[in-house]
Amino acid sequence: MTETDWRRVVAGLRLGMNEPSEEQKALASCLGFSFAPETPHPVAAALLRRRAAASLYLAGPRAVDDSEYEYLERVCADSGMQAPARTEVPSRDILNSWLSVAWARRSVQHLERLEPHVGDVVVIPPLRHGEENRHGVVNSISADGRLNFVGGRNRGARIHRVLQIIRPDEADHEELSRRAREELAQSDPHPERLTRAQLGVLDPFKVKRRPSAADREALREALDTASSERDMQELLEKHPSLLAGTVKGNHGTWVRRQVRLGSAYVPDFLMASETSAGVSWHLVELESPTARLTNPGNQRESPTLRTALNQIHDWREWLADNLLSARMELPGITVQSRGLIIIGREDPTDRADKIRDRHSRESRIEIRTYDWLLRAVEGEGIAILGLLDLETDDQDPVSWPS
């Protein structure tokens, strides 16, 4: 049960902190004992169960260990109440009843301090040390005082963990609401599972056929004469099946050219493919077919390749800050979407195998040549399976690391 008014939650919590009811007092008298002054209602119930356990054939009491009692002392201190003496907590049932009172008291104090309302932005601590604070927009309040956030999926926070509340009329509310929505988008455990309506956004960009002989010949001819990245950009814009043929997309493949990410970034291509496991995205950066992957002298990454790698990292950083808005146009895209750099031609002096392996393993960025692209679309069997997916063994988005 949830509420939208914190006052009603406080009223409910206070009921659990009241002294014993007249019925509880009468039962205690029948059992031959009385309650100490100001014994809370839940504790009175536990004491009654303990006294009547033998008569009612209830399970025997479970002893409380020191760590459990120390936790009770800590929660009582947090809530400003005196913890019962260790001798007054002989069983776990009684311990738990005192904990319920301390938890309720703590929640009441923080609800009255913060007065949360639906629509407020809540700031809570990070999950791990060194990370940034998290945010949520209040949707409702549970009976125990827990704040529930917009977006469901059990997102929320205990009221005593809240660092700050920002009201809708405060200056930072709009920006922090946006941040909360972005964090919600990033927490989606299965962004690859899209509805038909979501996929409909991509319909204009669907590649409806595999690479043809004409597509492959156009690529060969371009490689004979191309001298710049722009030449290859124009070719692949006219023949998107060449890119689509590198991945497995037996339920659909989509290629979008030069999508604007905010005001600063324009990837050459963004490519999506759907299998039974869902939709996966690739961030594609083109470089000149005449560029080298490594420096001739030291065999380290060439400046051109380093720039391309930085580009993909920049796009991912933008996605991390703007994931929800990005998914309006690019449904299912994630910060972990695989990168693909196509650069240069195959050259026996351009020893880049270790560089390729390292970036594939550490950054999920694949580095390939234009000769590789031609091979990827030359064989009919290979084209159907998707050479890039086969090489990376990456055909199931569910298995990707988060």
Protein backbone atom coordinates (compact mmCIF):
# COMPACT_ATOMS: atom_id res chain seq x y z
CA MET A 1 0.00 0.00 0.00
CA THR A 2 1.32 3.44 -0.94
CA GLU A 3 0.31 7.02 -0.24
CA THR A 4 0.90 10.36 -1.91
CA ASP A 5 0.66 12.42 1.32
CA TRP A 6 3.51 12.04 3.80
CA ARG A 7 1.22 13.09 6.67
CA ARG A 8 -0.94 10.00 6.27
CA VAL A 9 2.16 7.82 6.27
CA VAL A 10 3.34 9.47 9.49
CA ALA A 11 -0.07 8.90 11.10
CA GLY A 12 0.08 5.20 10.19
CA LEU A 13 3.61 4.82 11.53
CA ARG A 14 2.69 6.49 14.81
CA LEU A 15 -0.05 3.91 15.38
CA GLY A 16 2.66 1.24 15.54
CA MET A 17 4.52 3.23 18.19
CA ASN A 18 1.54 3.56 20.58
CA GLU A 19 1.33 1.96 24.01
CA PRO A 20 -0.37 -1.44 24.37
CA SER A 21 -4.05 -1.64 23.48
CA GLU A 22 -6.71 -2.39 26.10
CA GLU A 23 -7.08 -5.84 24.53
CA GLN A 24 -3.34 -6.50 24.91
CA LYS A 25 -3.45 -5.36 28.54
CA ALA A 26 -6.39 -7.70 29.25
CA LEU A 27 -4.55 -10.64 27.68
CA ALA A 28 -1.44 -9.87 29.72
CA SER A 29 -3.53 -9.85 32.90
CA CYS A 30 -4.96 -13.28 32.03
CA LEU A 31 -1.43 -14.58 31.54
CA GLY A 32 -0.35 -13.21 34.89
CA PHE A 33 1.92 -10.29 33.97
CA SER A 34 1.76 -6.61 33.07
CA PHE A 35 3.64 -4.38 30.64
CA ALA A 36 6.28 -1.88 31.65
CA PRO A 37 5.26 1.76 31.19
CA GLU A 38 5.39 3.03 27.58
CA THR A 39 5.91 -0.45 26.10
CA PRO A 40 5.27 -0.02 22.35
CA HIS A 41 2.35 -1.87 20.77
CA PRO A 42 4.52 -4.26 18.61
CA VAL A 43 6.73 -5.12 21.60
CA ALA A 44 3.64 -5.87 23.70
CA ALA A 45 2.49 -8.30 20.99
CA ALA A 46 5.88 -10.06 21.03
CA LEU A 47 5.81 -10.35 24.85
CA LEU A 48 2.34 -11.88 24.68
CA ARG A 49 3.51 -14.43 22.13
CA ARG A 50 6.49 -15.32 24.32
CA ARG A 51 4.33 -15.82 27.44
CA ALA A 52 1.75 -17.91 25.55
CA ALA A 53 4.22 -19.89 23.39
CA ALA A 54 3.93 -23.14 25.32
CA SER A 55 0.15 -23.05 25.56
CA LEU A 56 -0.26 -22.28 21.87
CA TYR A 57 2.45 -24.73 20.72
CA LEU A 58 4.43 -21.92 19.12
CA ALA A 59 8.03 -22.45 18.03
CA GLY A 60 10.60 -21.93 20.73
CA PRO A 61 12.41 -18.56 20.95
CA ARG A 62 15.46 -18.00 18.79
CA ALA A 63 18.36 -16.43 20.67
CA VAL A 64 19.72 -13.02 19.69
CA ASP A 65 23.44 -12.73 19.01
CA ASP A 66 25.60 -9.71 19.78
CA SER A 67 25.71 -8.36 16.23
CA GLU A 68 21.91 -8.28 16.05
CA TYR A 69 21.61 -6.44 19.34
CA GLU A 70 24.33 -3.97 18.28
CA TYR A 71 22.34 -3.22 15.14
CA LEU A 72 19.26 -2.53 17.30
CA GLU A 73 21.33 -0.14 19.42
CA ARG A 74 22.51 1.67 16.29
CA VAL A 75 19.00 2.10 14.84
CA CYS A 76 17.68 3.26 18.22
CA ALA A 77 20.47 5.85 18.39
CA ASP A 78 19.63 7.03 14.86
CA SER A 79 15.99 7.47 15.86
CA GLY A 80 16.73 9.18 19.17
CA MET A 81 15.20 6.51 21.38
CA GLN A 82 16.62 4.57 24.30
CA ALA A 83 17.51 1.01 23.34
CA PRO A 84 16.11 -1.71 25.63
CA ALA A 85 18.64 -3.42 27.88
CA ARG A 86 20.25 -6.55 26.48
CA THR A 87 18.40 -8.64 29.10
CA GLU A 88 15.08 -7.27 27.81
CA VAL A 89 15.71 -8.74 24.35
CA PRO A 90 15.93 -12.51 24.97
CA SER A 91 14.53 -13.60 21.59
CA ARG A 92 14.62 -12.57 17.95
CA ASP A 93 10.87 -11.99 17.95
CA ILE A 94 11.23 -9.34 20.65
CA LEU A 95 14.29 -7.90 18.90
CA ASN A 96 12.35 -7.56 15.66
CA SER A 97 9.45 -5.87 17.44
CA TRP A 98 11.82 -3.26 18.91
CA LEU A 99 13.40 -2.80 15.47
CA SER A 100 9.99 -2.13 13.90
CA VAL A 101 9.42 0.62 16.49
CA ALA A 102 12.87 2.15 15.91
CA TRP A 103 12.47 2.03 12.13
CA ALA A 104 9.05 3.67 12.36
CA ARG A 105 10.35 6.39 14.68
CA ARG A 106 13.30 7.08 12.38
CA SER A 107 11.02 7.31 9.32
CA VAL A 108 8.62 9.67 11.10
CA GLN A 109 11.46 12.01 12.06
CA HIS A 110 12.81 12.22 8.51
CA LEU A 111 9.37 12.49 6.90
CA GLU A 112 8.55 15.42 9.16
CA ARG A 113 11.95 16.98 8.46
CA LEU A 114 11.80 16.64 4.68
CA GLU A 115 8.03 16.72 3.98
CA PRO A 116 8.36 14.93 0.60
CA HIS A 117 5.72 15.44 -2.09
CA VAL A 118 5.00 13.74 -5.40
CA GLY A 119 7.13 15.40 -8.08
CA ASP A 120 10.01 16.36 -5.77
CA VAL A 121 13.52 15.38 -6.89
CA VAL A 122 15.36 13.34 -4.27
CA VAL A 123 19.15 13.21 -3.94
CA ILE A 124 20.53 10.01 -2.39
CA PRO A 125 24.08 8.68 -1.84
CA PRO A 126 25.86 6.61 -4.51
CA LEU A 127 25.91 2.83 -4.41
CA ARG A 128 29.71 2.74 -4.31
CA HIS A 129 32.33 4.99 -2.79
CA GLY A 130 33.73 7.54 -5.21
CA GLU A 131 30.68 7.62 -7.49
CA GLU A 132 28.27 10.54 -7.84
CA ASN A 133 25.03 10.98 -5.91
CA ARG A 134 21.89 9.45 -7.42
CA HIS A 135 18.54 11.07 -8.16
CA GLY A 136 14.88 10.10 -8.36
CA VAL A 137 11.51 11.78 -8.75
CA VAL A 138 9.00 10.94 -6.01
CA ASN A 139 5.99 8.99 -7.27
CA SER A 140 4.54 7.69 -3.98
CA ILE A 141 5.39 6.87 -0.35
CA SER A 142 5.15 3.36 1.09
CA ALA A 143 3.55 2.68 4.47
CA ASP A 144 7.02 2.22 6.03
CA GLY A 145 8.16 5.66 4.81
CA ARG A 146 10.13 4.48 1.77
CA LEU A 147 10.04 6.91 -1.15
CA ASN A 148 9.14 5.29 -4.48
CA PHE A 149 10.50 6.87 -7.65
CA VAL A 150 8.99 7.45 -11.06
CA GLY A 151 9.82 4.57 -13.40
CA GLY A 152 9.05 1.65 -11.10
CA ARG A 153 11.41 -1.36 -11.15
CA ASN A 154 11.68 -1.03 -7.36
CA ARG A 155 13.53 2.28 -7.66
CA GLY A 156 13.33 4.32 -4.50
CA ALA A 157 15.05 5.16 -1.21
CA ARG A 158 14.56 4.87 2.51
CA ILE A 159 13.64 8.30 3.79
CA HIS A 160 16.55 8.44 6.25
CA ARG A 161 18.99 7.99 3.33
CA VAL A 162 17.79 11.13 1.55
CA LEU A 163 20.43 13.87 1.38
CA GLN A 164 18.31 16.59 -0.17
CA ILE A 165 14.88 17.27 -1.65
CA ILE A 166 14.37 19.77 -4.49
CA ARG A 167 10.86 21.18 -4.98
CA PRO A 168 9.36 21.84 -8.43
CA ASP A 169 9.62 25.61 -7.89
CA GLU A 170 13.36 25.51 -7.12
CA ALA A 171 15.95 26.50 -9.69
CA ASP A 172 17.71 23.12 -10.00
CA HIS A 173 14.52 21.05 -10.28
CA GLU A 174 14.38 20.85 -14.09
CA GLU A 175 18.02 19.88 -14.50
CA LEU A 176 17.94 17.31 -11.70
CA SER A 177 14.67 15.87 -13.03
CA ARG A 178 16.42 15.34 -16.35
CA ARG A 179 19.33 13.70 -14.56
CA ALA A 180 16.92 11.40 -12.71
CA ARG A 181 15.34 10.36 -16.01
CA GLU A 182 18.77 9.64 -17.50
CA GLU A 183 19.70 7.48 -14.51
CA LEU A 184 16.40 5.64 -14.91
CA ALA A 185 17.18 4.95 -18.57
CA GLN A 186 20.64 3.65 -17.67
CA SER A 187 19.18 1.30 -15.05
CA ASP A 188 16.94 -0.48 -17.58
CA PRO A 189 18.14 -4.12 -17.37
CA HIS A 190 16.91 -5.02 -20.87
CA PRO A 191 17.07 -2.00 -23.19
CA GLU A 192 17.51 -4.36 -26.16
CA ARG A 193 13.94 -5.66 -25.86
CA LEU A 194 11.90 -3.20 -27.89
CA THR A 195 8.21 -2.98 -28.68
CA ARG A 196 6.92 -2.77 -32.23
CA ALA A 197 6.12 0.89 -31.61
CA GLN A 198 9.72 1.58 -30.57
CA LEU A 199 11.06 -0.21 -33.62
CA GLY A 200 8.69 1.83 -35.75
CA VAL A 201 10.90 4.86 -35.12
CA LEU A 202 13.60 3.12 -37.17
CA ASP A 203 11.40 2.08 -40.10
CA PRO A 204 12.68 4.78 -42.51
CA PHE A 205 16.24 3.50 -42.04
CA LYS A 206 15.64 -0.21 -42.46
CA VAL A 207 17.97 -2.01 -44.88
CA LYS A 208 15.67 -4.37 -46.72
CA ARG A 209 18.19 -6.59 -48.49
CA ARG A 210 21.60 -8.17 -48.14
CA PRO A 211 24.57 -6.77 -50.13
CA SER A 212 24.24 -7.42 -53.84
CA ALA A 213 26.86 -7.93 -56.54
CA ALA A 214 26.36 -4.29 -57.52
CA ASP A 215 27.00 -3.13 -53.95
CA ARG A 216 30.18 -5.17 -53.70
CA GLU A 217 31.49 -3.95 -57.04
CA ALA A 218 30.80 -0.34 -56.09
CA LEU A 219 32.91 -0.90 -52.97
CA ARG A 220 35.77 -2.42 -55.01
CA GLU A 221 35.75 0.47 -57.45
CA ALA A 222 35.65 3.04 -54.67
CA LEU A 223 38.65 1.46 -52.99
CA ASP A 224 40.59 1.72 -56.25
CA THR A 225 40.16 5.48 -56.39
CA ALA A 226 39.14 6.80 -52.94
CA SER A 227 41.60 9.06 -51.18
CA SER A 228 39.56 10.43 -48.29
CA GLU A 229 37.05 9.54 -45.61
CA ARG A 230 34.43 11.57 -47.44
CA ASP A 231 34.66 9.29 -50.50
CA MET A 232 33.80 6.26 -48.35
CA GLN A 233 31.09 8.13 -46.48
CA GLU A 234 29.31 8.92 -49.74
CA LEU A 235 29.66 5.33 -50.95
CA LEU A 236 28.20 3.80 -47.80
CA GLU A 237 25.37 6.33 -47.70
CA LYS A 238 24.38 5.14 -51.20
CA HIS A 239 24.94 1.45 -50.36
CA PRO A 240 23.94 0.99 -46.67
CA SER A 241 23.64 -2.77 -47.17
CA LEU A 242 27.45 -2.92 -47.13
CA LEU A 243 27.49 -1.90 -43.48
CA ALA A 244 24.35 -3.86 -42.61
CA GLY A 245 25.94 -7.00 -44.06
CA THR A 246 28.63 -7.04 -41.38
CA VAL A 247 26.22 -7.93 -38.56
CA LYS A 248 23.59 -10.56 -37.95
CA GLY A 249 20.13 -9.03 -38.19
CA ASN A 250 17.74 -11.83 -39.07
CA HIS A 251 14.82 -9.77 -37.67
CA GLY A 252 15.96 -6.50 -39.18
CA THR A 253 18.93 -4.20 -39.72
CA TRP A 254 18.91 -0.40 -39.74
CA VAL A 255 21.60 2.09 -40.79
CA ARG A 256 21.40 5.76 -39.86
CA ARG A 257 23.89 8.23 -41.27
CA GLN A 258 25.33 11.24 -39.47
CA VAL A 259 22.93 11.35 -36.53
CA ARG A 260 23.48 14.46 -34.44
CA LEU A 261 24.27 13.77 -30.78
CA GLY A 262 23.60 17.10 -29.15
CA SER A 263 25.46 20.05 -30.63
CA ALA A 264 28.99 18.65 -30.60
CA TYR A 265 28.97 15.15 -32.13
CA VAL A 266 27.89 13.63 -35.44
CA PRO A 267 28.83 9.93 -35.83
CA ASP A 268 29.37 8.81 -39.41
CA PHE A 269 26.86 5.95 -38.98
CA LEU A 270 24.82 4.31 -36.23
CA MET A 271 23.81 0.77 -37.06
CA ALA A 272 21.21 -1.42 -35.31
CA SER A 273 20.44 -5.09 -35.79
CA GLU A 274 17.75 -7.28 -34.26
CA THR A 275 17.92 -10.97 -33.44
CA SER A 276 15.76 -13.11 -31.17
CA ALA A 277 17.86 -11.76 -28.27
CA GLY A 278 16.90 -8.16 -29.03
CA VAL A 279 18.38 -5.08 -30.68
CA SER A 280 22.06 -4.18 -30.56
CA TRP A 281 23.74 -0.98 -31.78
CA HIS A 282 27.11 -0.21 -33.33
CA LEU A 283 28.76 3.23 -33.35
CA VAL A 284 30.60 3.50 -36.66
CA GLU A 285 33.50 5.86 -37.31
CA LEU A 286 35.06 6.02 -40.79
CA GLU A 287 38.59 7.14 -41.57
CA SER A 288 40.40 7.50 -44.87
CA PRO A 289 41.29 4.31 -46.75
CA THR A 290 44.78 5.76 -47.15
CA ALA A 291 45.32 6.21 -43.41
CA ARG A 292 47.58 3.93 -41.39
CA LEU A 293 46.55 2.09 -38.22
CA THR A 294 50.02 2.37 -36.66
CA ASN A 295 53.04 4.65 -36.88
CA PRO A 296 55.71 3.21 -39.20
CA GLY A 297 58.49 3.62 -36.64
CA ASN A 298 57.15 2.48 -33.28
CA GLN A 299 54.05 0.52 -34.38
CA ARG A 300 51.87 2.43 -31.90
CA GLU A 301 48.44 3.81 -32.70
CA SER A 302 48.59 6.37 -35.47
CA PRO A 303 47.22 9.87 -34.70
CA THR A 304 44.30 9.15 -37.04
CA LEU A 305 43.38 5.94 -35.24
CA ARG A 306 43.75 7.63 -31.83
CA THR A 307 41.38 10.39 -32.95
CA ALA A 308 38.83 7.82 -34.08
CA LEU A 309 39.03 6.00 -30.73
CA ASN A 310 38.56 9.27 -28.87
CA GLN A 311 35.52 10.05 -31.00
CA ILE A 312 33.75 6.87 -29.93
CA HIS A 313 34.60 7.49 -26.27
CA ASP A 314 33.18 11.01 -26.63
CA TRP A 315 29.94 9.63 -28.11
CA ARG A 316 29.60 7.19 -25.23
CA GLU A 317 30.13 9.95 -22.69
CA TRP A 318 27.40 11.97 -24.36
CA LEU A 319 25.09 8.95 -24.31
CA ALA A 320 25.78 8.45 -20.60
CA ASP A 321 24.50 11.98 -19.92
CA ASN A 322 21.65 11.97 -22.44
CA LEU A 323 20.53 8.37 -22.75
CA LEU A 324 16.80 8.97 -22.38
CA SER A 325 16.65 11.65 -25.06
CA ALA A 326 18.93 9.59 -27.33
CA ARG A 327 16.54 6.64 -27.14
CA MET A 328 13.75 8.79 -28.56
CA GLU A 329 15.53 8.52 -31.92
CA LEU A 330 17.72 5.51 -31.24
CA PRO A 331 15.57 3.05 -29.27
CA GLY A 332 17.55 0.49 -27.29
CA ILE A 333 20.93 2.20 -27.63
CA THR A 334 23.24 1.85 -24.61
CA VAL A 335 26.45 3.36 -23.36
CA GLN A 336 28.05 -0.07 -23.94
CA SER A 337 27.08 -0.20 -27.63
CA ARG A 338 29.97 -1.65 -29.61
CA GLY A 339 32.17 0.71 -31.59
CA LEU A 340 33.43 -0.01 -35.12
CA ILE A 341 36.27 1.92 -36.74
CA ILE A 342 36.93 1.28 -40.43
CA ILE A 343 40.31 2.68 -41.45
CA GLY A 344 42.98 2.14 -44.07
CA ARG A 345 43.87 -0.89 -46.17
CA GLU A 346 45.56 -4.10 -45.17
CA ASP A 347 49.32 -3.62 -45.04
CA PRO A 348 51.82 -6.23 -43.78
CA THR A 349 53.92 -3.43 -42.24
CA ASP A 350 50.92 -2.13 -40.28
CA ARG A 351 51.09 -4.62 -37.40
CA ALA A 352 48.03 -3.73 -35.35
CA ASP A 353 46.79 -7.09 -34.07
CA LYS A 354 47.65 -6.36 -30.42
CA ILE A 355 46.08 -2.91 -30.66
CA ARG A 356 42.90 -4.38 -32.14
CA ASP A 357 42.69 -7.08 -29.47
CA ARG A 358 43.24 -4.64 -26.61
CA HIS A 359 40.54 -2.20 -27.69
CA SER A 360 38.11 -5.01 -28.45
CA ARG A 361 38.67 -6.55 -25.03
CA GLU A 362 38.88 -3.39 -22.92
CA SER A 363 36.63 -0.93 -24.75
CA ARG A 364 34.35 -2.97 -27.03
CA ILE A 365 35.72 -1.06 -30.01
CA GLU A 366 36.53 -3.06 -33.14
CA ILE A 367 39.17 -1.77 -35.56
CA ARG A 368 38.89 -3.02 -39.14
CA THR A 369 40.14 -2.13 -42.62
CA TYR A 370 38.19 -1.50 -45.80
CA ASP A 371 39.54 -4.78 -47.17
CA TRP A 372 37.85 -6.48 -44.20
CA LEU A 373 34.60 -4.74 -45.13
CA LEU A 374 34.86 -6.16 -48.62
CA ARG A 375 35.46 -9.67 -47.26
CA ALA A 376 32.53 -9.29 -44.86
CA VAL A 377 30.08 -8.84 -47.74
CA GLU A 378 31.66 -11.04 -50.44
CA GLY A 379 30.43 -14.48 -49.37
CA GLU A 380 26.69 -15.08 -49.23
CA GLY A 381 26.96 -17.37 -46.20
CA ILE A 382 29.18 -14.95 -44.31
CA ALA A 383 26.89 -12.04 -45.13
CA ILE A 384 23.89 -13.84 -43.66
CA LEU A 385 25.69 -14.61 -40.40
CA GLY A 386 27.44 -11.25 -39.98
CA LEU A 387 31.23 -11.39 -40.00
CA LEU A 388 31.66 -8.79 -37.25
CA ASP A 389 29.38 -10.71 -34.90
CA LEU A 390 31.14 -13.97 -35.72
CA GLU A 391 34.58 -12.51 -35.06
CA THR A 392 33.58 -10.96 -31.75
CA ASP A 393 31.29 -13.83 -30.70
CA ASP A 394 28.84 -11.08 -29.83
CA GLN A 395 25.48 -12.14 -31.20
CA ASP A 396 23.56 -12.19 -27.91
CA PRO A 397 23.08 -8.77 -26.24
CA VAL A 398 21.77 -10.41 -23.08
CA SER A 399 25.26 -11.75 -22.36
CA TRP A 400 27.01 -8.36 -22.67
CA PRO A 401 28.61 -6.90 -19.57
CA SER A 402 26.77 -3.97 -18.03
